[in-house]
Amino acid sequence: AAFLHGGLIWQLALHSLSFDHLPSVLDGILTEAVPFGHLLFWNDQTYYDDGLSDEEIDFICRTYYIEKPQSMDVVSWWPRPNTWDASGLNLGFWSARCEDWFQKCLDNI
């Protein structure tokens, strides 16, 4: 599901798992994943999409929830999808500029 998500989530999955895992994306959804995916109904047909849960996105982005007396801070190593989508780097494809940014971030970790 992370490979199909696109954007930074795709890049983080690719960086962690490598290109060797990309062919498995074409195999389709595993029956074990059906309870965790999204159930879609369209034209009297039932489809499943193995999308990512919020918890999985939190894990991929290395998100932490820091409880304070009156509030909760949310911090992450990597921008979450809503931040990435609004960034100027989200062009609909992984550009050289995206790769430069990604490599600089890796160097700072």
Protein backbone atom coordinates (compact mmCIF):
# COMPACT_ATOMS: atom_id res chain seq x y z
CA ALA A 1 0.00 0.00 0.00
CA ALA A 2 2.88 2.39 0.73
CA PHE A 3 4.27 1.94 -2.80
CA LEU A 4 0.88 2.87 -4.23
CA HIS A 5 0.43 5.86 -1.93
CA GLY A 6 2.82 8.05 -3.90
CA GLY A 7 4.75 11.10 -2.83
CA LEU A 8 7.00 11.00 0.19
CA ILE A 9 5.34 7.85 1.56
CA TRP A 10 6.32 6.06 -1.67
CA GLN A 11 9.89 7.34 -1.39
CA LEU A 12 10.21 6.31 2.25
CA ALA A 13 8.93 2.81 1.42
CA LEU A 14 11.27 2.58 -1.54
CA HIS A 15 14.21 3.74 0.59
CA SER A 16 13.39 1.19 3.31
CA LEU A 17 12.49 -1.82 1.15
CA SER A 18 14.34 -1.20 -2.16
CA PHE A 19 13.28 -1.66 -5.75
CA ASP A 20 13.22 -5.45 -5.26
CA HIS A 21 9.79 -5.19 -3.64
CA LEU A 22 8.16 -3.16 -6.42
CA PRO A 23 6.98 -6.18 -8.49
CA SER A 24 4.86 -7.32 -5.53
CA VAL A 25 2.71 -4.21 -6.05
CA LEU A 26 1.46 -5.73 -9.30
CA ASP A 27 0.33 -8.92 -7.55
CA GLY A 28 -2.74 -7.17 -6.20
CA ILE A 29 -4.16 -7.19 -2.72
CA LEU A 30 -3.48 -10.15 -0.47
CA THR A 31 -6.50 -11.85 1.04
CA GLU A 32 -4.92 -11.26 4.45
CA ALA A 33 -5.03 -7.50 3.81
CA VAL A 34 -8.73 -7.29 2.96
CA PRO A 35 -9.94 -6.66 6.55
CA PHE A 36 -7.46 -3.77 6.84
CA GLY A 37 -8.22 -2.07 3.53
CA HIS A 38 -11.01 0.05 2.17
CA LEU A 39 -14.17 -1.59 0.91
CA LEU A 40 -15.44 0.11 -2.26
CA PHE A 41 -18.74 -0.42 -4.05
CA TRP A 42 -19.06 0.73 -7.65
CA ASN A 43 -21.42 -0.36 -10.45
CA ASP A 44 -22.80 -3.21 -8.33
CA GLN A 45 -19.27 -4.54 -7.82
CA THR A 46 -17.24 -4.84 -4.63
CA TYR A 47 -13.60 -3.81 -4.61
CA TYR A 48 -10.92 -3.68 -1.95
CA ASP A 49 -8.15 -1.13 -1.75
CA ASP A 50 -5.31 -1.83 0.64
CA GLY A 51 -4.81 1.78 1.68
CA LEU A 52 -2.71 2.83 4.64
CA SER A 53 -4.22 3.46 8.04
CA ASP A 54 -3.37 6.61 9.99
CA GLU A 55 -1.27 4.47 12.32
CA GLU A 56 0.73 3.08 9.38
CA ILE A 57 1.33 6.58 8.02
CA ASP A 58 2.42 7.67 11.51
CA PHE A 59 4.88 4.76 11.61
CA ILE A 60 6.30 5.48 8.14
CA CYS A 61 6.71 9.21 8.90
CA ARG A 62 8.09 8.45 12.38
CA THR A 63 5.37 10.48 14.08
CA TYR A 64 5.38 11.07 17.82
CA TYR A 65 2.56 12.34 20.01
CA ILE A 66 3.86 14.32 22.97
CA GLU A 67 1.32 14.79 25.71
CA LYS A 68 1.40 18.12 27.52
CA PRO A 69 -0.79 19.27 30.42
CA GLN A 70 -3.23 21.18 28.20
CA SER A 71 -2.50 19.84 24.72
CA MET A 72 -0.90 17.22 22.52
CA ASP A 73 2.03 18.04 20.21
CA VAL A 74 2.43 16.04 17.03
CA VAL A 75 5.97 15.89 15.66
CA SER A 76 7.52 13.70 13.00
CA TRP A 77 10.83 13.07 11.33
CA TRP A 78 9.19 13.30 7.91
CA PRO A 79 6.31 15.50 6.73
CA ARG A 80 2.96 13.77 6.91
CA PRO A 81 0.99 13.50 3.65
CA ASN A 82 -1.11 16.65 4.21
CA THR A 83 2.07 18.70 4.76
CA TRP A 84 3.81 17.08 1.78
CA ASP A 85 0.79 17.74 -0.45
CA ALA A 86 0.87 21.44 0.43
CA SER A 87 4.67 21.78 0.17
CA GLY A 88 5.72 22.90 -3.30
CA LEU A 89 7.54 19.61 -3.79
CA ASN A 90 4.39 17.61 -4.53
CA LEU A 91 4.34 17.78 -8.33
CA GLY A 92 2.67 14.44 -8.97
CA PHE A 93 6.01 12.73 -9.62
CA TRP A 94 9.32 12.34 -7.81
CA SER A 95 11.48 15.11 -9.27
CA ALA A 96 15.21 15.80 -8.99
CA ARG A 97 14.32 18.59 -6.56
CA CYS A 98 12.40 16.10 -4.40
CA GLU A 99 15.39 13.75 -4.43
CA ASP A 100 17.78 16.54 -3.45
CA TRP A 101 15.52 17.51 -0.55
CA PHE A 102 15.18 13.87 0.52
CA GLN A 103 18.92 13.25 0.46
CA LYS A 104 19.60 16.41 2.50
CA CYS A 105 17.07 15.26 5.09
CA LEU A 106 18.71 11.82 5.25
CA ASP A 107 22.08 13.47 5.78
CA ASN A 108 20.65 15.37 8.78
CA ILE A 109 19.35 12.25 10.51
